[in-house]
PDB file of N, CA and C in Angstrom:
ATOM      1  N   MET A   1     -28.854  -7.864  -6.946  1.00  0.00           N
ATOM      2  CA  MET A   1     -27.546  -7.665  -7.349  1.00  0.00           C
ATOM      3  C   MET A   1     -27.506  -7.381  -8.866  1.00  0.00           C
ATOM      4  N   LYS A   2     -26.769  -6.311  -9.147  1.00  0.00           N
ATOM      5  CA  LYS A   2     -26.654  -5.827 -10.572  1.00  0.00           C
ATOM      6  C   LYS A   2     -25.248  -6.171 -11.172  1.00  0.00           C
ATOM      7  N   PHE A   3     -25.393  -6.851 -12.393  1.00  0.00           N
ATOM      8  CA  PHE A   3     -24.224  -7.441 -13.120  1.00  0.00           C
ATOM      9  C   PHE A   3     -23.838  -6.386 -14.196  1.00  0.00           C
ATOM     10  N   PRO A   4     -22.591  -6.074 -14.168  1.00  0.00           N
ATOM     11  CA  PRO A   4     -22.075  -4.976 -15.160  1.00  0.00           C
ATOM     12  C   PRO A   4     -21.690  -5.424 -16.552  1.00  0.00           C
ATOM     13  N   TYR A   5     -22.694  -6.002 -17.230  1.00  0.00           N
ATOM     14  CA  TYR A   5     -22.367  -6.392 -18.571  1.00  0.00           C
ATOM     15  C   TYR A   5     -22.022  -5.290 -19.509  1.00  0.00           C
ATOM     16  N   GLY A   6     -20.950  -5.211 -19.976  1.00  0.00           N
ATOM     17  CA  GLY A   6     -20.553  -4.086 -20.995  1.00  0.00           C
ATOM     18  C   GLY A   6     -19.971  -2.870 -20.415  1.00  0.00           C
ATOM     19  N   ILE A   7     -20.009  -2.883 -18.958  1.00  0.00           N
ATOM     20  CA  ILE A   7     -19.430  -1.648 -18.300  1.00  0.00           C
ATOM     21  C   ILE A   7     -17.975  -1.904 -18.055  1.00  0.00           C
ATOM     22  N   SER A   8     -17.259  -0.952 -18.652  1.00  0.00           N
ATOM     23  CA  SER A   8     -15.746  -1.061 -18.370  1.00  0.00           C
ATOM     24  C   SER A   8     -15.182   0.160 -17.746  1.00  0.00           C
ATOM     25  N   ASN A   9     -16.012   0.979 -17.014  1.00  0.00           N
ATOM     26  CA  ASN A   9     -15.641   2.103 -16.303  1.00  0.00           C
ATOM     27  C   ASN A   9     -15.648   1.830 -14.806  1.00  0.00           C
ATOM     28  N   PHE A  10     -14.553   1.562 -14.209  1.00  0.00           N
ATOM     29  CA  PHE A  10     -14.408   1.228 -12.835  1.00  0.00           C
ATOM     30  C   PHE A  10     -15.216   2.208 -11.811  1.00  0.00           C
ATOM     31  N   ASP A  11     -15.061   3.434 -12.048  1.00  0.00           N
ATOM     32  CA  ASP A  11     -15.704   4.533 -11.209  1.00  0.00           C
ATOM     33  C   ASP A  11     -17.241   4.162 -11.332  1.00  0.00           C
ATOM     34  N   THR A  12     -17.822   4.164 -12.393  1.00  0.00           N
ATOM     35  CA  THR A  12     -19.201   3.903 -12.671  1.00  0.00           C
ATOM     36  C   THR A  12     -19.658   2.594 -11.980  1.00  0.00           C
ATOM     37  N   LEU A  13     -18.879   1.671 -12.145  1.00  0.00           N
ATOM     38  CA  LEU A  13     -19.240   0.259 -11.692  1.00  0.00           C
ATOM     39  C   LEU A  13     -19.254   0.305 -10.022  1.00  0.00           C
ATOM     40  N   ILE A  14     -18.295   0.905  -9.464  1.00  0.00           N
ATOM     41  CA  ILE A  14     -18.264   1.024  -7.973  1.00  0.00           C
ATOM     42  C   ILE A  14     -19.398   1.946  -7.447  1.00  0.00           C
ATOM     43  N   ARG A  15     -19.510   3.116  -7.988  1.00  0.00           N
ATOM     44  CA  ARG A  15     -20.442   4.155  -7.482  1.00  0.00           C
ATOM     45  C   ARG A  15     -21.911   3.648  -7.700  1.00  0.00           C
ATOM     46  N   GLN A  16     -22.126   2.914  -8.775  1.00  0.00           N
ATOM     47  CA  GLN A  16     -23.575   2.428  -9.005  1.00  0.00           C
ATOM     48  C   GLN A  16     -23.780   0.972  -8.389  1.00  0.00           C
ATOM     49  N   GLN A  17     -22.858   0.569  -7.609  1.00  0.00           N
ATOM     50  CA  GLN A  17     -22.939  -0.644  -6.888  1.00  0.00           C
ATOM     51  C   GLN A  17     -23.177  -1.838  -7.677  1.00  0.00           C
ATOM     52  N   TYR A  18     -22.550  -2.014  -8.788  1.00  0.00           N
ATOM     53  CA  TYR A  18     -22.598  -3.275  -9.626  1.00  0.00           C
ATOM     54  C   TYR A  18     -21.656  -4.244  -8.920  1.00  0.00           C
ATOM     55  N   PHE A  19     -21.905  -5.552  -9.285  1.00  0.00           N
ATOM     56  CA  PHE A  19     -21.145  -6.654  -8.775  1.00  0.00           C
ATOM     57  C   PHE A  19     -19.663  -6.498  -9.227  1.00  0.00           C
ATOM     58  N   TYR A  20     -18.722  -6.670  -8.401  1.00  0.00           N
ATOM     59  CA  TYR A  20     -17.224  -6.514  -8.869  1.00  0.00           C
ATOM     60  C   TYR A  20     -16.471  -7.604  -8.150  1.00  0.00           C
ATOM     61  N   VAL A  21     -15.848  -8.346  -8.908  1.00  0.00           N
ATOM     62  CA  VAL A  21     -14.923  -9.467  -8.356  1.00  0.00           C
ATOM     63  C   VAL A  21     -13.695  -8.737  -7.987  1.00  0.00           C
ATOM     64  N   ASP A  22     -13.421  -8.667  -6.625  1.00  0.00           N
ATOM     65  CA  ASP A  22     -12.214  -7.881  -6.201  1.00  0.00           C
ATOM     66  C   ASP A  22     -10.972  -8.688  -6.403  1.00  0.00           C
ATOM     67  N   ARG A  23     -10.071  -8.221  -7.352  1.00  0.00           N
ATOM     68  CA  ARG A  23      -8.834  -8.767  -7.525  1.00  0.00           C
ATOM     69  C   ARG A  23      -7.722  -7.693  -7.266  1.00  0.00           C
ATOM     70  N   THR A  24      -8.056  -6.693  -6.522  1.00  0.00           N
ATOM     71  CA  THR A  24      -7.180  -5.615  -6.366  1.00  0.00           C
ATOM     72  C   THR A  24      -6.057  -6.024  -5.436  1.00  0.00           C
ATOM     73  N   ASP A  25      -6.105  -7.183  -4.823  1.00  0.00           N
ATOM     74  CA  ASP A  25      -5.010  -7.794  -4.053  1.00  0.00           C
ATOM     75  C   ASP A  25      -3.822  -8.144  -4.947  1.00  0.00           C
ATOM     76  N   LYS A  26      -4.066  -8.189  -6.231  1.00  0.00           N
ATOM     77  CA  LYS A  26      -2.954  -8.491  -7.225  1.00  0.00           C
ATOM     78  C   LYS A  26      -2.172  -7.328  -7.559  1.00  0.00           C
ATOM     79  N   ILE A  27      -2.601  -6.007  -7.266  1.00  0.00           N
ATOM     80  CA  ILE A  27      -1.728  -4.907  -7.581  1.00  0.00           C
ATOM     81  C   ILE A  27      -0.365  -4.887  -7.163  1.00  0.00           C
ATOM     82  N   PRO A  28      -0.143  -5.279  -6.016  1.00  0.00           N
ATOM     83  CA  PRO A  28       1.380  -5.383  -5.534  1.00  0.00           C
ATOM     84  C   PRO A  28       2.153  -6.331  -6.427  1.00  0.00           C
ATOM     85  N   LEU A  29       1.523  -7.358  -6.897  1.00  0.00           N
ATOM     86  CA  LEU A  29       2.257  -8.368  -7.834  1.00  0.00           C
ATOM     87  C   LEU A  29       2.486  -7.638  -9.085  1.00  0.00           C
ATOM     88  N   LEU A  30       1.628  -6.866  -9.611  1.00  0.00           N
ATOM     89  CA  LEU A  30       1.818  -6.101 -10.869  1.00  0.00           C
ATOM     90  C   LEU A  30       3.035  -5.130 -10.695  1.00  0.00           C
ATOM     91  N   GLU A  31       3.089  -4.487  -9.499  1.00  0.00           N
ATOM     92  CA  GLU A  31       4.107  -3.514  -9.231  1.00  0.00           C
ATOM     93  C   GLU A  31       5.388  -4.081  -9.157  1.00  0.00           C
ATOM     94  N   ASP A  32       5.502  -5.395  -8.662  1.00  0.00           N
ATOM     95  CA  ASP A  32       6.764  -6.087  -8.520  1.00  0.00           C
ATOM     96  C   ASP A  32       7.207  -6.762  -9.820  1.00  0.00           C
ATOM     97  N   ALA A  33       6.188  -6.884 -10.841  1.00  0.00           N
ATOM     98  CA  ALA A  33       6.477  -7.678 -11.913  1.00  0.00           C
ATOM     99  C   ALA A  33       7.489  -6.922 -13.015  1.00  0.00           C
ATOM    100  N   GLY A  34       7.603  -5.618 -12.741  1.00  0.00           N
ATOM    101  CA  GLY A  34       8.537  -4.815 -13.652  1.00  0.00           C
ATOM    102  C   GLY A  34       7.883  -3.783 -14.305  1.00  0.00           C
ATOM    103  N   GLN A  35       8.602  -3.023 -15.193  1.00  0.00           N
ATOM    104  CA  GLN A  35       8.131  -1.858 -15.846  1.00  0.00           C
ATOM    105  C   GLN A  35       7.045  -2.217 -17.029  1.00  0.00           C
ATOM    106  N   HIS A  36       7.133  -3.278 -17.773  1.00  0.00           N
ATOM    107  CA  HIS A  36       6.353  -3.688 -18.856  1.00  0.00           C
ATOM    108  C   HIS A  36       5.488  -4.810 -18.607  1.00  0.00           C
ATOM    109  N   SER A  37       4.187  -4.567 -18.755  1.00  0.00           N
ATOM    110  CA  SER A  37       3.227  -5.521 -18.598  1.00  0.00           C
ATOM    111  C   SER A  37       2.443  -5.693 -19.865  1.00  0.00           C
ATOM    112  N   LEU A  38       2.033  -6.947 -20.209  1.00  0.00           N
ATOM    113  CA  LEU A  38       1.277  -7.152 -21.350  1.00  0.00           C
ATOM    114  C   LEU A  38       0.114  -7.978 -20.904  1.00  0.00           C
ATOM    115  N   PHE A  39      -1.030  -7.487 -21.161  1.00  0.00           N
ATOM    116  CA  PHE A  39      -2.360  -8.248 -20.736  1.00  0.00           C
ATOM    117  C   PHE A  39      -2.953  -8.880 -21.945  1.00  0.00           C
ATOM    118  N   LEU A  40      -2.711 -10.215 -22.052  1.00  0.00           N
ATOM    119  CA  LEU A  40      -3.356 -11.045 -23.181  1.00  0.00           C
ATOM    120  C   LEU A  40      -4.462 -11.788 -22.528  1.00  0.00           C
ATOM    121  N   ARG A  41      -5.676 -11.420 -23.116  1.00  0.00           N
ATOM    122  CA  ARG A  41      -6.845 -12.089 -22.684  1.00  0.00           C
ATOM    123  C   ARG A  41      -7.853 -12.138 -23.864  1.00  0.00           C
ATOM    124  N   PRO A  42      -8.774 -12.936 -23.985  1.00  0.00           N
ATOM    125  CA  PRO A  42      -9.701 -13.002 -25.070  1.00  0.00           C
ATOM    126  C   PRO A  42     -10.672 -11.727 -25.015  1.00  0.00           C
ATOM    127  N   ARG A  43     -11.289 -11.557 -25.998  1.00  0.00           N
ATOM    128  CA  ARG A  43     -12.321 -10.432 -26.080  1.00  0.00           C
ATOM    129  C   ARG A  43     -13.281 -10.654 -24.942  1.00  0.00           C
ATOM    130  N   ARG A  44     -13.792  -9.623 -24.396  1.00  0.00           N
ATOM    131  CA  ARG A  44     -14.849  -9.589 -23.343  1.00  0.00           C
ATOM    132  C   ARG A  44     -14.309 -10.151 -21.997  1.00  0.00           C
ATOM    133  N   PHE A  45     -13.048 -10.157 -21.707  1.00  0.00           N
ATOM    134  CA  PHE A  45     -12.513 -10.784 -20.501  1.00  0.00           C
ATOM    135  C   PHE A  45     -12.048  -9.745 -19.474  1.00  0.00           C
ATOM    136  N   GLY A  46     -12.441  -8.562 -19.681  1.00  0.00           N
ATOM    137  CA  GLY A  46     -12.176  -7.494 -18.715  1.00  0.00           C
ATOM    138  C   GLY A  46     -11.004  -6.641 -18.727  1.00  0.00           C
ATOM    139  N   LYS A  47     -10.240  -6.719 -19.940  1.00  0.00           N
ATOM    140  CA  LYS A  47      -9.011  -5.907 -20.082  1.00  0.00           C
ATOM    141  C   LYS A  47      -9.347  -4.380 -19.782  1.00  0.00           C
ATOM    142  N   SER A  48     -10.378  -3.865 -20.436  1.00  0.00           N
ATOM    143  CA  SER A  48     -10.669  -2.490 -20.288  1.00  0.00           C
ATOM    144  C   SER A  48     -11.062  -2.020 -18.788  1.00  0.00           C
ATOM    145  N   LEU A  49     -11.782  -2.988 -18.164  1.00  0.00           N
ATOM    146  CA  LEU A  49     -12.161  -2.720 -16.753  1.00  0.00           C
ATOM    147  C   LEU A  49     -10.895  -2.762 -15.884  1.00  0.00           C
ATOM    148  N   LEU A  50      -9.944  -3.776 -16.114  1.00  0.00           N
ATOM    149  CA  LEU A  50      -8.682  -3.766 -15.358  1.00  0.00           C
ATOM    150  C   LEU A  50      -7.960  -2.544 -15.478  1.00  0.00           C
ATOM    151  N   LEU A  51      -7.792  -1.991 -16.779  1.00  0.00           N
ATOM    152  CA  LEU A  51      -7.069  -0.731 -17.037  1.00  0.00           C
ATOM    153  C   LEU A  51      -7.826   0.456 -16.266  1.00  0.00           C
ATOM    154  N   SER A  52      -9.056   0.412 -16.343  1.00  0.00           N
ATOM    155  CA  SER A  52      -9.848   1.491 -15.720  1.00  0.00           C
ATOM    156  C   SER A  52      -9.672   1.526 -14.170  1.00  0.00           C
ATOM    157  N   MET A  53      -9.662   0.229 -13.560  1.00  0.00           N
ATOM    158  CA  MET A  53      -9.295   0.188 -12.211  1.00  0.00           C
ATOM    159  C   MET A  53      -7.924   0.702 -11.824  1.00  0.00           C
ATOM    160  N   LEU A  54      -7.004   0.298 -12.684  1.00  0.00           N
ATOM    161  CA  LEU A  54      -5.626   0.738 -12.468  1.00  0.00           C
ATOM    162  C   LEU A  54      -5.415   2.231 -12.598  1.00  0.00           C
ATOM    163  N   GLU A  55      -6.138   2.786 -13.585  1.00  0.00           N
ATOM    164  CA  GLU A  55      -6.256   4.304 -13.831  1.00  0.00           C
ATOM    165  C   GLU A  55      -6.682   4.952 -12.572  1.00  0.00           C
ATOM    166  N   ASN A  56      -7.883   4.490 -12.033  1.00  0.00           N
ATOM    167  CA  ASN A  56      -8.378   5.124 -10.751  1.00  0.00           C
ATOM    168  C   ASN A  56      -7.423   4.911  -9.577  1.00  0.00           C
ATOM    169  N   TYR A  57      -6.736   3.855  -9.575  1.00  0.00           N
ATOM    170  CA  TYR A  57      -5.859   3.511  -8.385  1.00  0.00           C
ATOM    171  C   TYR A  57      -4.658   4.452  -8.422  1.00  0.00           C
ATOM    172  N   TYR A  58      -4.057   4.651  -9.614  1.00  0.00           N
ATOM    173  CA  TYR A  58      -2.746   5.451  -9.707  1.00  0.00           C
ATOM    174  C   TYR A  58      -2.901   6.874  -9.929  1.00  0.00           C
ATOM    175  N   ASP A  59      -3.981   7.376 -10.540  1.00  0.00           N
ATOM    176  CA  ASP A  59      -4.222   8.728 -10.943  1.00  0.00           C
ATOM    177  C   ASP A  59      -4.235   9.750  -9.767  1.00  0.00           C
ATOM    178  N   VAL A  60      -3.311  10.624  -9.795  1.00  0.00           N
ATOM    179  CA  VAL A  60      -3.228  11.604  -8.759  1.00  0.00           C
ATOM    180  C   VAL A  60      -4.491  12.498  -8.647  1.00  0.00           C
ATOM    181  N   ALA A  61      -5.209  12.693  -9.759  1.00  0.00           N
ATOM    182  CA  ALA A  61      -6.410  13.406  -9.874  1.00  0.00           C
ATOM    183  C   ALA A  61      -7.541  12.669  -9.121  1.00  0.00           C
ATOM    184  N   LYS A  62      -7.434  11.367  -8.814  1.00  0.00           N
ATOM    185  CA  LYS A  62      -8.454  10.647  -8.080  1.00  0.00           C
ATOM    186  C   LYS A  62      -8.172  10.449  -6.674  1.00  0.00           C
ATOM    187  N   ALA A  63      -7.102  11.009  -6.147  1.00  0.00           N
ATOM    188  CA  ALA A  63      -6.664  10.829  -4.760  1.00  0.00           C
ATOM    189  C   ALA A  63      -7.749  11.068  -3.752  1.00  0.00           C
ATOM    190  N   SER A  64      -8.553  12.115  -4.013  1.00  0.00           N
ATOM    191  CA  SER A  64      -9.680  12.513  -2.967  1.00  0.00           C
ATOM    192  C   SER A  64     -10.774  11.410  -2.994  1.00  0.00           C
ATOM    193  N   GLN A  65     -10.724  10.595  -4.057  1.00  0.00           N
ATOM    194  CA  GLN A  65     -11.866   9.626  -4.185  1.00  0.00           C
ATOM    195  C   GLN A  65     -11.450   8.160  -3.804  1.00  0.00           C
ATOM    196  N   PHE A  66     -10.182   8.035  -3.233  1.00  0.00           N
ATOM    197  CA  PHE A  66      -9.638   6.759  -3.082  1.00  0.00           C
ATOM    198  C   PHE A  66     -10.479   5.982  -2.083  1.00  0.00           C
ATOM    199  N   ASP A  67     -10.836   6.488  -0.904  1.00  0.00           N
ATOM    200  CA  ASP A  67     -11.662   5.783  -0.030  1.00  0.00           C
ATOM    201  C   ASP A  67     -12.977   5.326  -0.549  1.00  0.00           C
ATOM    202  N   SER A  68     -13.625   6.209  -1.276  1.00  0.00           N
ATOM    203  CA  SER A  68     -14.953   5.773  -1.735  1.00  0.00           C
ATOM    204  C   SER A  68     -14.814   4.792  -2.744  1.00  0.00           C
ATOM    205  N   LEU A  69     -13.784   4.737  -3.626  1.00  0.00           N
ATOM    206  CA  LEU A  69     -13.643   3.668  -4.692  1.00  0.00           C
ATOM    207  C   LEU A  69     -13.021   2.403  -4.190  1.00  0.00           C
ATOM    208  N   PHE A  70     -12.019   2.605  -3.320  1.00  0.00           N
ATOM    209  CA  PHE A  70     -11.322   1.397  -2.997  1.00  0.00           C
ATOM    210  C   PHE A  70     -11.369   0.925  -1.517  1.00  0.00           C
ATOM    211  N   GLY A  71     -11.852   1.738  -0.700  1.00  0.00           N
ATOM    212  CA  GLY A  71     -11.988   1.484   0.776  1.00  0.00           C
ATOM    213  C   GLY A  71     -12.497   0.265   1.132  1.00  0.00           C
ATOM    214  N   HIS A  72     -13.545  -0.279   0.493  1.00  0.00           N
ATOM    215  CA  HIS A  72     -14.117  -1.723   0.636  1.00  0.00           C
ATOM    216  C   HIS A  72     -13.352  -2.745  -0.027  1.00  0.00           C
ATOM    217  N   LEU A  73     -12.434  -2.501  -0.837  1.00  0.00           N
ATOM    218  CA  LEU A  73     -11.680  -3.536  -1.515  1.00  0.00           C
ATOM    219  C   LEU A  73     -10.319  -3.859  -0.841  1.00  0.00           C
ATOM    220  N   ALA A  74      -9.798  -5.013  -1.162  1.00  0.00           N
ATOM    221  CA  ALA A  74      -8.546  -5.541  -0.490  1.00  0.00           C
ATOM    222  C   ALA A  74      -7.414  -4.462  -0.660  1.00  0.00           C
ATOM    223  N   ILE A  75      -7.257  -3.827  -1.842  1.00  0.00           N
ATOM    224  CA  ILE A  75      -6.173  -2.850  -1.858  1.00  0.00           C
ATOM    225  C   ILE A  75      -6.495  -1.576  -0.955  1.00  0.00           C
ATOM    226  N   GLY A  76      -7.802  -1.232  -0.704  1.00  0.00           N
ATOM    227  CA  GLY A  76      -8.012  -0.164   0.041  1.00  0.00           C
ATOM    228  C   GLY A  76      -7.707  -0.320   1.537  1.00  0.00           C
ATOM    229  N   LYS A  77      -7.658  -1.565   1.889  1.00  0.00           N
ATOM    230  CA  LYS A  77      -7.261  -1.874   3.288  1.00  0.00           C
ATOM    231  C   LYS A  77      -5.753  -1.982   3.483  1.00  0.00           C
ATOM    232  N   ASN A  78      -5.132  -2.198   2.372  1.00  0.00           N
ATOM    233  CA  ASN A  78      -3.620  -2.326   2.409  1.00  0.00           C
ATOM    234  C   ASN A  78      -2.998  -1.680   1.144  1.00  0.00           C
ATOM    235  N   PRO A  79      -3.130  -0.337   0.919  1.00  0.00           N
ATOM    236  CA  PRO A  79      -2.596   0.170  -0.283  1.00  0.00           C
ATOM    237  C   PRO A  79      -1.099   0.238  -0.459  1.00  0.00           C
ATOM    238  N   THR A  80      -0.683   0.277  -1.773  1.00  0.00           N
ATOM    239  CA  THR A  80       0.795   0.408  -1.934  1.00  0.00           C
ATOM    240  C   THR A  80       1.234   1.838  -1.904  1.00  0.00           C
ATOM    241  N   PRO A  81       2.458   2.161  -1.727  1.00  0.00           N
ATOM    242  CA  PRO A  81       2.928   3.498  -1.691  1.00  0.00           C
ATOM    243  C   PRO A  81       2.672   4.215  -2.979  1.00  0.00           C
ATOM    244  N   LYS A  82       2.462   3.540  -4.043  1.00  0.00           N
ATOM    245  CA  LYS A  82       2.232   4.250  -5.351  1.00  0.00           C
ATOM    246  C   LYS A  82       0.856   4.722  -5.719  1.00  0.00           C
ATOM    247  N   HIS A  83      -0.045   4.278  -4.794  1.00  0.00           N
ATOM    248  CA  HIS A  83      -1.444   4.744  -5.201  1.00  0.00           C
ATOM    249  C   HIS A  83      -1.633   6.165  -5.237  1.00  0.00           C
ATOM    250  N   ASN A  84      -2.286   6.690  -6.354  1.00  0.00           N
ATOM    251  CA  ASN A  84      -2.609   8.051  -6.534  1.00  0.00           C
ATOM    252  C   ASN A  84      -1.360   8.872  -6.685  1.00  0.00           C
ATOM    253  N   GLN A  85      -0.277   8.406  -7.267  1.00  0.00           N
ATOM    254  CA  GLN A  85       1.013   9.054  -7.350  1.00  0.00           C
ATOM    255  C   GLN A  85       1.463   9.545  -8.716  1.00  0.00           C
ATOM    256  N   TYR A  86       0.596   9.229  -9.686  1.00  0.00           N
ATOM    257  CA  TYR A  86       0.898   9.493 -11.120  1.00  0.00           C
ATOM    258  C   TYR A  86      -0.040  10.249 -11.865  1.00  0.00           C
ATOM    259  N   PHE A  87       0.372  11.056 -12.859  1.00  0.00           N
ATOM    260  CA  PHE A  87      -0.453  11.789 -13.777  1.00  0.00           C
ATOM    261  C   PHE A  87      -0.893  10.686 -14.826  1.00  0.00           C
ATOM    262  N   VAL A  88      -2.080  10.408 -14.936  1.00  0.00           N
ATOM    263  CA  VAL A  88      -2.621   9.377 -15.974  1.00  0.00           C
ATOM    264  C   VAL A  88      -3.232   9.982 -17.146  1.00  0.00           C
ATOM    265  N   MET A  89      -2.679   9.593 -18.267  1.00  0.00           N
ATOM    266  CA  MET A  89      -3.226  10.138 -19.563  1.00  0.00           C
ATOM    267  C   MET A  89      -3.975   8.823 -20.221  1.00  0.00           C
ATOM    268  N   LYS A  90      -5.332   9.058 -20.411  1.00  0.00           N
ATOM    269  CA  LYS A  90      -6.041   7.969 -20.987  1.00  0.00           C
ATOM    270  C   LYS A  90      -6.264   8.176 -22.426  1.00  0.00           C
ATOM    271  N   TRP A  91      -6.014   7.229 -23.273  1.00  0.00           N
ATOM    272  CA  TRP A  91      -6.316   7.359 -24.677  1.00  0.00           C
ATOM    273  C   TRP A  91      -7.313   6.206 -25.018  1.00  0.00           C
ATOM    274  N   ASP A  92      -8.238   6.728 -25.766  1.00  0.00           N
ATOM    275  CA  ASP A  92      -9.416   5.838 -26.170  1.00  0.00           C
ATOM    276  C   ASP A  92      -9.424   5.612 -27.665  1.00  0.00           C
ATOM    277  N   PHE A  93      -9.033   4.542 -28.197  1.00  0.00           N
ATOM    278  CA  PHE A  93      -9.012   4.311 -29.638  1.00  0.00           C
ATOM    279  C   PHE A  93     -10.193   3.609 -30.097  1.00  0.00           C
ATOM    280  N   SER A  94     -11.328   3.431 -29.261  1.00  0.00           N
ATOM    281  CA  SER A  94     -12.475   2.778 -29.671  1.00  0.00           C
ATOM    282  C   SER A  94     -13.157   3.324 -30.921  1.00  0.00           C
ATOM    283  N   MET A  95     -13.032   4.565 -31.146  1.00  0.00           N
ATOM    284  CA  MET A  95     -13.632   5.217 -32.325  1.00  0.00           C
ATOM    285  C   MET A  95     -12.798   5.203 -33.536  1.00  0.00           C
ATOM    286  N   VAL A  96     -11.620   4.781 -33.561  1.00  0.00           N
ATOM    287  CA  VAL A  96     -10.713   4.904 -34.657  1.00  0.00           C
ATOM    288  C   VAL A  96     -11.024   3.723 -35.629  1.00  0.00           C
ATOM    289  N   LYS A  97     -11.151   4.079 -36.806  1.00  0.00           N
ATOM    290  CA  LYS A  97     -11.411   3.094 -37.918  1.00  0.00           C
ATOM    291  C   LYS A  97     -10.037   2.308 -38.130  1.00  0.00           C
ATOM    292  N   ALA A  98     -10.193   1.076 -38.054  1.00  0.00           N
ATOM    293  CA  ALA A  98      -8.908   0.237 -38.315  1.00  0.00           C
ATOM    294  C   ALA A  98      -8.484   0.250 -39.729  1.00  0.00           C
ATOM    295  N   GLY A  99      -9.282   0.482 -40.633  1.00  0.00           N
ATOM    296  CA  GLY A  99      -9.019   0.558 -42.001  1.00  0.00           C
ATOM    297  C   GLY A  99      -8.591   1.825 -42.629  1.00  0.00           C
ATOM    298  N   GLY A 100      -8.543   2.954 -41.781  1.00  0.00           N
ATOM    299  CA  GLY A 100      -8.281   4.242 -42.208  1.00  0.00           C
ATOM    300  C   GLY A 100      -9.438   4.961 -42.860  1.00  0.00           C
ATOM    301  N   GLU A 101      -9.127   6.009 -43.533  1.00  0.00           N
ATOM    302  CA  GLU A 101     -10.216   6.792 -44.187  1.00  0.00           C
ATOM    303  C   GLU A 101     -10.899   6.013 -45.206  1.00  0.00           C
ATOM    304  N   SER A 102     -12.157   6.250 -45.432  1.00  0.00           N
ATOM    305  CA  SER A 102     -12.944   5.356 -46.435  1.00  0.00           C
ATOM    306  C   SER A 102     -13.125   6.186 -47.667  1.00  0.00           C
ATOM    307  N   SER A 103     -12.654   7.434 -47.654  1.00  0.00           N
ATOM    308  CA  SER A 103     -12.975   8.299 -48.850  1.00  0.00           C
ATOM    309  C   SER A 103     -11.887   8.166 -49.897  1.00  0.00           C
ATOM    310  N   GLY A 104     -10.880   7.414 -49.705  1.00  0.00           N
ATOM    311  CA  GLY A 104      -9.735   7.270 -50.796  1.00  0.00           C
ATOM    312  C   GLY A 104      -8.674   8.168 -50.616  1.00  0.00           C
ATOM    313  N   HIS A 105      -8.806   9.165 -49.697  1.00  0.00           N
ATOM    314  CA  HIS A 105      -7.719  10.166 -49.620  1.00  0.00           C
ATOM    315  C   HIS A 105      -6.481   9.546 -48.886  1.00  0.00           C
ATOM    316  N   ARG A 106      -5.307   9.790 -49.395  1.00  0.00           N
ATOM    317  CA  ARG A 106      -4.123   9.279 -48.646  1.00  0.00           C
ATOM    318  C   ARG A 106      -3.185  10.355 -48.411  1.00  0.00           C
ATOM    319  N   ASN A 107      -2.826  10.550 -47.297  1.00  0.00           N
ATOM    320  CA  ASN A 107      -1.822  11.760 -46.947  1.00  0.00           C
ATOM    321  C   ASN A 107      -2.175  13.042 -47.457  1.00  0.00           C
ATOM    322  N   GLY A 108      -3.545  13.354 -47.445  1.00  0.00           N
ATOM    323  CA  GLY A 108      -4.087  14.683 -47.840  1.00  0.00           C
ATOM    324  C   GLY A 108      -3.856  14.871 -49.401  1.00  0.00           C
ATOM    325  N   ILE A 109      -3.560  13.901 -50.130  1.00  0.00           N
ATOM    326  CA  ILE A 109      -3.419  14.087 -51.627  1.00  0.00           C
ATOM    327  C   ILE A 109      -4.629  13.318 -52.287  1.00  0.00           C
ATOM    328  N   THR A 110      -5.296  14.072 -53.067  1.00  0.00           N
ATOM    329  CA  THR A 110      -6.407  13.448 -53.820  1.00  0.00           C
ATOM    330  C   THR A 110      -6.122  12.989 -55.163  1.00  0.00           C
TER     331      THR A 110
END
């Protein structure tokens, strides 16, 4: 059994057969919770993996891969009508420096 330490890409995790704790049965609860969800968890508690799973579940571009990604999971056996119905835009801020530019430039003025 392979454990996915540091892997936050749901597609990679499933295709390379890493261990995955299936919590996809909670997707209907998220849908019923309302428009705005806030995920507060400590560091290294799976926020990025959760969002990656939801990205793969809702993205219309992943519709042809639904069975291979979710078929063996709880939500694959009982999907909601919203699966693969949205255009998903993914933004990755992991490479953004929190302190801004280090060269001392501000607003393009030196």
